[in-house]
Protein backbone atom coordinates (compact mmCIF):
# COMPACT_ATOMS: atom_id res chain seq x y z
CA MET A 1 38.25 58.18 -31.93
CA LYS A 2 36.90 61.43 -30.47
CA THR A 3 35.83 61.66 -26.88
CA ILE A 4 32.10 62.16 -27.90
CA GLU A 5 32.28 59.25 -30.35
CA LYS A 6 33.76 57.19 -27.58
CA ILE A 7 30.77 58.23 -25.19
CA LEU A 8 28.07 57.39 -27.73
CA TYR A 9 29.73 53.78 -28.42
CA HIS A 10 30.08 53.21 -24.47
CA LEU A 11 26.21 54.36 -24.35
CA LYS A 12 25.33 52.04 -27.07
CA SER A 13 27.38 48.97 -25.59
CA GLU A 14 26.74 49.22 -22.24
CA GLY A 15 23.43 51.21 -21.88
CA PRO A 16 22.37 54.00 -19.47
CA VAL A 17 25.52 55.19 -17.11
CA THR A 18 26.59 57.93 -15.10
CA ALA A 19 28.90 61.02 -15.77
CA LYS A 20 31.52 59.72 -13.08
CA VAL A 21 31.38 55.94 -14.43
CA LEU A 22 32.31 57.71 -17.96
CA ALA A 23 35.02 59.98 -16.25
CA GLU A 24 36.70 57.30 -14.95
CA LYS A 25 36.35 55.12 -17.76
CA PHE A 26 37.94 57.90 -19.99
CA SER A 27 40.47 59.33 -17.53
CA LEU A 28 38.67 62.91 -17.57
CA THR A 29 37.10 64.93 -15.16
CA THR A 30 33.40 64.75 -14.18
CA MET A 31 33.09 68.50 -15.30
CA GLY A 32 34.47 67.63 -18.68
CA ILE A 33 32.15 64.54 -19.12
CA ARG A 34 29.26 66.53 -18.14
CA GLN A 35 30.41 69.27 -20.71
CA HIS A 36 30.45 66.64 -23.62
CA LEU A 37 27.01 65.27 -22.46
CA GLN A 38 25.39 68.48 -22.61
CA SER A 39 26.78 69.07 -26.22
CA LEU A 40 25.35 65.54 -27.01
CA GLU A 41 22.01 66.39 -25.44
CA ASP A 42 21.69 69.73 -27.34
CA ASP A 43 22.32 67.63 -30.54
CA GLY A 44 19.25 65.39 -29.48
CA LEU A 45 21.53 62.27 -29.26
CA VAL A 46 21.29 61.52 -25.49
CA ASP A 47 19.00 62.25 -22.77
CA PHE A 48 19.02 61.10 -18.93
CA ASN A 49 17.03 59.73 -16.07
CA ASP A 50 17.35 60.89 -12.57
CA VAL A 51 17.39 57.41 -10.43
CA LYS A 52 16.36 57.94 -6.68
CA VAL A 53 18.69 56.75 -4.13
CA LYS A 54 18.41 55.66 -0.52
CA VAL A 55 20.81 58.75 0.64
CA GLY A 56 21.25 62.14 -1.12
CA ARG A 57 20.24 63.34 -4.41
CA PRO A 58 19.03 61.29 -7.06
CA THR A 59 21.87 59.73 -9.61
CA ARG A 60 21.57 61.00 -13.21
CA HIS A 61 22.14 58.19 -15.61
CA TRP A 62 22.49 59.18 -19.31
CA GLN A 63 21.58 56.93 -22.42
CA LEU A 64 21.15 57.18 -26.03
CA THR A 65 17.98 58.80 -27.73
CA GLU A 66 16.40 56.96 -30.52
CA GLN A 67 18.33 59.46 -32.66
CA GLY A 68 21.40 58.63 -30.61
CA HIS A 69 20.91 54.91 -31.87
CA ARG A 70 20.12 55.95 -35.27
CA ARG A 71 23.67 57.15 -35.44
CA PHE A 72 24.96 53.37 -35.45
CA THR A 73 22.08 52.34 -38.04
CA ASP A 74 23.72 50.68 -41.13
CA ARG A 75 23.75 53.52 -44.13
CA HIS A 76 22.63 51.01 -46.79
CA HIS A 77 19.16 50.09 -44.57
CA ASP A 78 17.13 51.84 -46.82
CA LEU A 79 18.31 50.27 -49.95
CA ALA A 80 18.12 46.87 -48.28
CA VAL A 81 14.33 47.49 -47.12
CA HIS A 82 13.85 48.55 -50.75
CA MET A 83 15.48 45.41 -52.46
CA LEU A 84 13.43 43.15 -50.22
CA GLU A 85 10.14 45.05 -51.15
CA SER A 86 10.97 44.84 -54.68
CA VAL A 87 11.53 41.00 -54.55
CA GLU A 88 8.09 40.51 -52.85
CA ASP A 89 6.44 42.59 -55.52
CA LEU A 90 8.02 40.89 -58.47
CA PHE A 91 8.33 37.46 -57.01
CA GLY A 92 5.81 36.98 -54.30
CA ILE A 93 6.18 35.63 -50.99
CA SER A 94 7.95 32.74 -52.22
CA GLY A 95 10.54 34.70 -54.06
CA LEU A 96 11.40 36.59 -50.78
CA GLU A 97 11.52 33.21 -48.70
CA GLN A 98 14.21 32.12 -51.28
CA VAL A 99 16.22 35.14 -50.82
CA ILE A 100 16.04 34.77 -46.96
CA ALA A 101 16.82 30.93 -47.33
CA LYS A 102 20.03 31.80 -49.66
CA ARG A 103 21.41 34.47 -47.12
CA GLU A 104 20.84 32.07 -44.26
CA GLN A 105 22.61 29.16 -46.15
CA HIS A 106 25.50 31.52 -47.04
CA THR A 107 25.80 33.04 -43.56
CA TYR A 108 25.97 29.15 -41.91
CA GLU A 109 28.48 28.18 -44.45
CA GLN A 110 30.78 31.21 -43.98
CA TYR A 111 30.37 30.67 -39.79
CA GLN A 112 30.81 27.08 -40.04
CA GLN A 113 34.02 27.28 -41.79
CA THR A 114 35.44 29.31 -39.22
CA LEU A 115 33.90 27.18 -36.47
CA GLN A 116 34.84 24.19 -37.39
CA THR A 117 38.20 24.22 -35.62
CA CYS A 118 36.53 25.10 -32.63
CA GLU A 119 36.80 22.05 -30.06
CA THR A 120 34.36 23.67 -26.95
CA LEU A 121 31.26 25.37 -26.83
CA LYS A 122 32.68 28.32 -25.37
CA GLU A 123 35.67 28.35 -28.18
CA LYS A 124 32.76 28.42 -30.50
CA LEU A 125 30.69 31.14 -29.00
CA GLU A 126 33.76 33.24 -28.67
CA GLN A 127 34.48 32.86 -32.40
CA LEU A 128 30.60 33.49 -33.06
CA ALA A 129 30.97 36.72 -31.17
CA GLN A 130 33.99 37.77 -33.25
CA LEU A 131 32.27 37.21 -36.30
CA ARG A 132 29.07 38.88 -35.44
CA THR A 133 31.26 41.91 -34.53
CA GLN A 134 33.03 41.83 -37.81
CA ASP A 135 29.38 41.92 -39.48
CA GLY A 136 28.55 44.92 -37.55
CA TYR A 137 26.37 43.69 -34.62
CA MET A 138 28.97 44.79 -31.68
CA ALA A 139 28.54 41.32 -30.17
CA GLU A 140 29.97 40.21 -27.07
CA LEU A 141 29.97 36.76 -24.99
CA ILE A 142 28.92 36.83 -21.05
CA THR A 143 29.58 33.58 -18.97
CA THR A 144 26.63 33.07 -16.83
CA HIS A 145 26.00 30.73 -14.13
CA ASP A 146 24.35 28.13 -16.16
CA GLY A 147 25.65 28.71 -19.62
CA TYR A 148 26.29 31.44 -21.78
CA THR A 149 24.75 34.80 -22.98
CA LEU A 150 25.26 36.05 -26.50
CA VAL A 151 24.85 39.93 -26.44
CA GLU A 152 24.23 41.99 -29.98
CA ASN A 153 24.24 45.78 -28.92
CA HIS A 154 23.64 46.89 -32.50
CA CYS A 155 21.66 45.28 -35.41
CA PRO A 156 23.07 46.58 -38.91
CA ILE A 157 19.71 44.87 -40.44
CA CYS A 158 17.11 46.40 -38.15
CA ARG A 159 15.09 48.31 -40.61
CA ALA A 160 15.13 45.38 -42.99
CA ALA A 161 14.45 43.12 -40.18
CA GLN A 162 11.32 45.46 -38.97
CA HIS A 163 9.96 45.16 -42.60
CA CYS A 164 10.60 41.36 -42.68
CA PRO A 165 10.94 39.75 -39.40
CA ALA A 166 11.73 36.51 -41.03
CA LEU A 167 15.43 37.71 -41.07
CA CYS A 168 15.52 37.51 -37.55
CA LEU A 169 14.22 33.98 -37.28
CA SER A 170 16.96 33.05 -40.03
CA GLU A 171 19.64 34.32 -37.82
CA LEU A 172 18.24 32.22 -34.84
CA THR A 173 18.34 29.30 -37.02
CA VAL A 174 21.81 29.70 -38.27
CA PHE A 175 23.01 29.76 -34.53
CA LYS A 176 21.02 26.74 -33.70
CA ARG A 177 22.36 24.94 -36.57
CA LEU A 178 26.19 25.80 -35.87
CA LEU A 179 26.10 24.98 -32.11
CA GLY A 180 24.14 21.55 -32.79
CA GLU A 181 20.92 20.04 -31.63
CA ASN A 182 22.08 19.32 -27.89
CA ILE A 183 22.39 22.89 -27.39
CA ARG A 184 19.69 25.34 -26.27
CA ILE A 185 19.62 28.92 -27.47
CA GLU A 186 16.82 31.31 -26.46
CA ARG A 187 16.25 35.09 -27.62
CA GLU A 188 15.66 37.19 -24.65
CA GLU A 189 16.05 40.61 -25.57
CA HIS A 190 15.07 41.77 -29.19
CA ILE A 191 15.98 45.15 -30.65
CA ILE A 192 12.90 45.00 -33.02
CA SER A 193 10.75 44.66 -30.07
CA GLY A 194 11.86 48.03 -28.72
CA GLN A 195 14.96 46.72 -26.62
CA ARG A 196 18.13 48.19 -26.60
CA ARG A 197 19.80 45.13 -27.68
CA CYS A 198 19.59 41.48 -28.79
CA THR A 199 20.51 38.87 -26.29
CA TYR A 200 20.78 34.97 -26.50
CA ARG A 201 20.61 32.48 -23.90
CA ILE A 202 22.89 29.57 -24.44
CA THR A 203 22.75 26.47 -22.32
CA SER A 204 23.85 22.69 -22.69
């Protein structure tokens, strides 16, 4: 993977970051990283915010622009939106609901087959994060003081979900079914609401 692609991937998964942090991450000089960032800025893929600090000059934090985020968008999103529109036109809301329910059940069965050998909640969540990453969600699991946070740094169905929010509700339903009634799961951040990522707070 080229350095520029590594930088874009890091900004996508980690959020705003300084040139110094990127230089340390990729074992490059700060000047070299700044040259890459300048090139990405010229292409409209990144921009920056200067954050004030108590002492010295403001710290420059680089982040993806909307165009930069679109670099990670699934290439087939327009087709997915068109298909959802066609289903709704041909079969109405009830037909669209049946399609979503079918997708939900298929996803649940696929994930459940893998998770059924897991013995603890942590094992289930670690496996779930791997499955979601394989499906294009760039997922990771974070242990918190009272449970876990499942982070999805990308949404390959974002455009379809914007057209049909029931898709997001369906995915949350799958998680709840997989983890069981005794586990509480709440979505705290949501990409289609304008946030950088989707996060799910999970407690038992």
